[in-house]
Amino acid sequence: MFYQKSETLQIAQMLLGKHLFTSFEGQLTGGIIIETEAYKGAEDKASHAYHNRRTKRTEIMLALGEIAYVYF
């Protein structure tokens, strides 16, 4: 599975330039990924999930994968 690969930096690089689409309030919206950041979750001091920190915001980051964490 794509997001479960261990090569965090490689995944971030592979996402650049990809198109992302969603349906929002009945409207198709989308864009191109022009920037990514790569963190190694619980072991990465720069990650919101460092040391398995569990909050509403970080819970998704501790999931098995195939889910994107998008923040403002």
C-alpha atoms as a PDB file:
ATOM      1  CA  MET A   1       0.000   0.000   0.000  1.00  0.00           C
ATOM      2  CA  PHE A   2       1.304   3.408  -0.976  1.00  0.00           C
ATOM      3  CA  TYR A   3       1.165   5.215   2.385  1.00  0.00           C
ATOM      4  CA  GLN A   4       2.494   2.232   4.318  1.00  0.00           C
ATOM      5  CA  LYS A   5       5.878   2.265   2.617  1.00  0.00           C
ATOM      6  CA  SER A   6       8.770   2.944   4.986  1.00  0.00           C
ATOM      7  CA  GLU A   7      10.512   5.409   2.655  1.00  0.00           C
ATOM      8  CA  THR A   8       8.894   8.567   4.053  1.00  0.00           C
ATOM      9  CA  LEU A   9      10.910  11.034   1.958  1.00  0.00           C
ATOM     10  CA  GLN A  10      10.313   9.047  -1.224  1.00  0.00           C
ATOM     11  CA  ILE A  11       6.541   9.072  -0.641  1.00  0.00           C
ATOM     12  CA  ALA A  12       6.590  12.852  -0.123  1.00  0.00           C
ATOM     13  CA  GLN A  13       8.523  13.321  -3.371  1.00  0.00           C
ATOM     14  CA  MET A  14       6.199  10.991  -5.293  1.00  0.00           C
ATOM     15  CA  LEU A  15       3.156  13.049  -4.237  1.00  0.00           C
ATOM     16  CA  LEU A  16       4.512  16.248  -5.797  1.00  0.00           C
ATOM     17  CA  GLY A  17       2.655  17.185  -8.954  1.00  0.00           C
ATOM     18  CA  LYS A  18      -0.204  14.756  -8.333  1.00  0.00           C
ATOM     19  CA  HIS A  19      -3.796  15.924  -8.807  1.00  0.00           C
ATOM     20  CA  LEU A  20      -6.138  15.709  -5.823  1.00  0.00           C
ATOM     21  CA  PHE A  21      -9.929  15.877  -6.269  1.00  0.00           C
ATOM     22  CA  THR A  22     -12.912  15.775  -3.961  1.00  0.00           C
ATOM     23  CA  SER A  23     -16.601  16.470  -4.019  1.00  0.00           C
ATOM     24  CA  PHE A  24     -17.433  19.333  -1.656  1.00  0.00           C
ATOM     25  CA  GLU A  25     -21.038  20.450  -1.205  1.00  0.00           C
ATOM     26  CA  GLY A  26     -21.937  18.917  -4.551  1.00  0.00           C
ATOM     27  CA  GLN A  27     -19.100  20.647  -6.375  1.00  0.00           C
ATOM     28  CA  LEU A  28     -16.056  18.906  -7.794  1.00  0.00           C
ATOM     29  CA  THR A  29     -12.989  20.642  -6.391  1.00  0.00           C
ATOM     30  CA  GLY A  30      -9.357  19.862  -6.920  1.00  0.00           C
ATOM     31  CA  GLY A  31      -5.813  21.005  -7.165  1.00  0.00           C
ATOM     32  CA  ILE A  32      -2.229  19.985  -7.711  1.00  0.00           C
ATOM     33  CA  ILE A  33       0.066  19.064  -4.823  1.00  0.00           C
ATOM     34  CA  ILE A  34       2.920  21.575  -4.949  1.00  0.00           C
ATOM     35  CA  GLU A  35       4.384  21.085  -1.481  1.00  0.00           C
ATOM     36  CA  THR A  36       4.769  18.174   0.908  1.00  0.00           C
ATOM     37  CA  GLU A  37       6.381  17.581   4.279  1.00  0.00           C
ATOM     38  CA  ALA A  38       7.676  14.253   5.527  1.00  0.00           C
ATOM     39  CA  TYR A  39       7.576  13.119   9.142  1.00  0.00           C
ATOM     40  CA  LYS A  40       8.156   9.692  10.637  1.00  0.00           C
ATOM     41  CA  GLY A  41       5.320   9.897  13.143  1.00  0.00           C
ATOM     42  CA  ALA A  42       5.970   8.828  16.709  1.00  0.00           C
ATOM     43  CA  GLU A  43       9.763   8.706  16.274  1.00  0.00           C
ATOM     44  CA  ASP A  44      10.103  12.163  14.650  1.00  0.00           C
ATOM     45  CA  LYS A  45      10.530  15.075  17.089  1.00  0.00           C
ATOM     46  CA  ALA A  46       9.050  17.480  14.528  1.00  0.00           C
ATOM     47  CA  SER A  47       5.844  15.438  14.163  1.00  0.00           C
ATOM     48  CA  HIS A  48       2.606  16.343  15.943  1.00  0.00           C
ATOM     49  CA  ALA A  49       2.400  12.630  16.828  1.00  0.00           C
ATOM     50  CA  TYR A  50       5.871  12.423  18.431  1.00  0.00           C
ATOM     51  CA  HIS A  51       5.987   9.833  21.244  1.00  0.00           C
ATOM     52  CA  ASN A  52       2.534   8.584  20.161  1.00  0.00           C
ATOM     53  CA  ARG A  53       0.923  11.810  21.374  1.00  0.00           C
ATOM     54  CA  ARG A  54      -2.804  11.184  20.987  1.00  0.00           C
ATOM     55  CA  THR A  55      -5.189  14.056  20.484  1.00  0.00           C
ATOM     56  CA  LYS A  56      -8.193  14.495  18.199  1.00  0.00           C
ATOM     57  CA  ARG A  57      -5.847  16.082  15.679  1.00  0.00           C
ATOM     58  CA  THR A  58      -3.099  13.451  15.805  1.00  0.00           C
ATOM     59  CA  GLU A  59      -5.212  10.297  16.055  1.00  0.00           C
ATOM     60  CA  ILE A  60      -5.315   9.989  12.250  1.00  0.00           C
ATOM     61  CA  MET A  61      -1.509  10.172  12.099  1.00  0.00           C
ATOM     62  CA  LEU A  62      -1.259   7.019  14.208  1.00  0.00           C
ATOM     63  CA  ALA A  63      -3.543   5.003  11.910  1.00  0.00           C
ATOM     64  CA  LEU A  64      -2.182   2.178   9.746  1.00  0.00           C
ATOM     65  CA  GLY A  65      -2.091   4.203   6.544  1.00  0.00           C
ATOM     66  CA  GLU A  66      -3.960   5.058   3.361  1.00  0.00           C
ATOM     67  CA  ILE A  67      -5.255   8.227   5.040  1.00  0.00           C
ATOM     68  CA  ALA A  68      -3.925  11.719   4.392  1.00  0.00           C
ATOM     69  CA  TYR A  69      -3.364  14.207   7.206  1.00  0.00           C
ATOM     70  CA  VAL A  70      -4.030  17.707   5.915  1.00  0.00           C
ATOM     71  CA  TYR A  71      -3.617  20.769   8.109  1.00  0.00           C
ATOM     72  CA  PHE A  72      -4.001  24.501   7.627  1.00  0.00           C
END
